[in-house]
Amino acid sequence: MYTRSMATKRALLSIFAVFLALSLLQGVEAIGITLDSPADGTTILKSSIIDLNIDGGGTVNVTYTIDAAVTNTTLASPWNITANWTKGLNTLTVYAVNGSESSQNTFQFTVNNSAPVVNDVYPAANVVLATTVNLTAAVQDLDDITDVDNVKIYYSLANTSVWTLINTVTTHTTGLFTTAWNISAVNDSTYKIKAVANDSETTGEVESLANITVNNVNQAPVVDLTSLTGGQTVSDDTAITWTATDPDGETSLQVDIYYSTDNSTWTNIVSDDANDGTYSWNTDNVANGNSYRINVTVTDAFGGLGSDISGSTFTVNNQAGGGSSSDDDSSSGEVSVGTGASAGAFDVSQIFQSLTAGSSNELNINVAGLALTKLIFIVASAETDARIKVRDLEALPSSISVEPANLYQLFEVEATNVDSLTSATFEFKVPKSWLTSSNLAKENIVVKRYVTSWANIPTSYVGEEGDNYKYTATTPGFSVFAIAAKNAAGTADEVVAATDETTQETTPISGFATGSLPNLSLPDISFLPGGWITLIAIISTIALASFFVAGRRGLFGNLTWPEFNLSTAKNHVEKAKIKLNHAKHAPVKKRQLPKINLPQFEFPHINFGQNKQKKLKFGKDGWQKYKSKN
């Protein structure tokens, strides 16, 4: 009996376990492995991302294998694979396990490795003088720039293809691979550059579009003046012609042309002109004479200078009134006078090949119509190839909107390679006739400098010279200037430069300003009818009412008012009259005013608080009785 019962229980438990296992197995979902992108069997790049989709409940463990190179690599949601694909056919197998359920799927892709592309090599064209130069290759790769292993940069003579490796570059900045080339180790010649970019399987390369000229020792341009070489007589517009070449093969050449009447002081005709071999010179801007020479100076990109000068003098002979003359031929600087043929051209330009620290440098200006006659300046440190330019301005530059009042002349000074200017002094003239017509005294002239606004600079009257008044003005820097009259009293304020020694400042005494009262800020009571009168009346009424109530309640204690006896006062007045009458008839030396004794007043004694306590103690009726007794 017992044995049969136990066997039955065991059979029932076995049946229950089978049903339980079957129910658990029914709760596990099947796993699906599909591709979202790219499509199975398509061609992809090495940088392509495989986007999988894994379907199935519970925790899913996913691994994948790519041929034999990658085996059972764990993959996590969102199930994207970025693999190191190899060129050609690649087989991807994905495994997924969920509890007792497992699944796998296989996909195939043909991988096409994109070769890197070298877009540019820099510099594309340049003449190099430094001992080193940076060479840069711009590279891109459709498989991502990280697929580029390195970029090799080579050089070769322009007429050969024998390449010499300069460097192998493995790092980049946004696709730019750069290396320094020590050109002092190569001979002066013309070279071409090549860059080769390498990824894991392919290469891409490009050569520089233009050649690079290496020139470790710069050679100056060679200049030949082909007109106005001497003996000619010219007038009006005259052609100046020349040829200029550079032994280093440089093509970026700038031309400056000068004239001189003493073969020593050179006045600029034009600056930074193109090397096209000809320039039209308007001789109407110079005085007639027979001692003229021309100087054509050509500059290369690295400071090399070449020039040619007229072998002998030639003559300028314009009709009367056609030219301009100058009374001052003592210019000690290399002055420039422009033709004025183009708008905005500088009238005066001078190159100082070297400036000594602390020394005074002069630019003599002989330009008809320009008030300036001389510019003297000092630099704090040595300067080379410094250039000063001066021009008369017929109108304000577009960046300046306000013109100074009583303006005589506008001018501009520009400096190049003058980095340590200490000070500069202008010498200039103003016609007496202009001051007379403007109703101005000669002391009223000032020079204004524009930085962010007009500001006076120190200006001094020097004296008379013929029909002109002479002045000097000192400036801490160069910009646009105006010769004008000082502002009259009562006109709009003008800014005064910090260097203007004639300007004096007055500091008001601490406290109120002279001649003014402090501004009292009173509250606004416009809402109250009658304003302040009504408010004062209200306050007075409240004060009187308070005084009355306090008296009624005994807050003033024993208040004794002064006694005034009318008869006693009358007697005092009569006695005073008698003494005054006697004083009128007394000798003058003894006359004195009588002594008048005025009645004595006793002011009330106010004792606050004491009787108030008694009133509170006795109450109203008790307090009246107390007052009557006292």
Foldseek 3Di string as FASTA:
>chain_A
DVVVVVVVVVVVVVVVVVVVVVVVVVPWDAKDKDWPDDDFPEEDELQDKTQIPIDTDDDKWKFKAKPPPRPGHTADPVRIDNDRDDAAKIKMKMWIDHPPHIDIDIGMYHYDYWAKEFDAWPPLEDEDADQKDKIKTAIDGPSGPVQWQWKWKWKDAPVDDDTDTQDIFGDADNRITMDMGRCVVDDFHKMKMKMWIDGPPHIYMDIRPDIYTYDNDFDAKAKAWDPQLDDAEDAFKDKTFIAIDGPSRAQLKFKWKWKDQPVQATATADGRDHRPGMDIGGQLAEDWDFRMKMKIWMAGPPGHIYIDMRNGTGTYDYPPPSHDYFPDPPFPFRWYAYRCPDPPGFGIKGWDQKAAAPDKDKHADGGPPDFWGMKIWHFHHMWGRKMKTKHWDPDDPPVDDDDDPQFDTKMFMDMDRRDGTAKMKTKGKDFPVSCVVVVHDPQFKFKWDDDPFTATFAKAWDQDDVRITMIMTMDRDTGMMTIGGHDDPPDDDGHYDPNHPVDDDDDADPDDGPPDDDDDDDDDPVVDVPPPVVVVVVVVVVVVVVVVVCVVLCQFPDWDFWDDDPVVQVVLVVVQVVQVVVLVPDDPVPRDHDDGDGDDTDGTHGDGDPVNVVCVVLDDVRSVVVVVVD
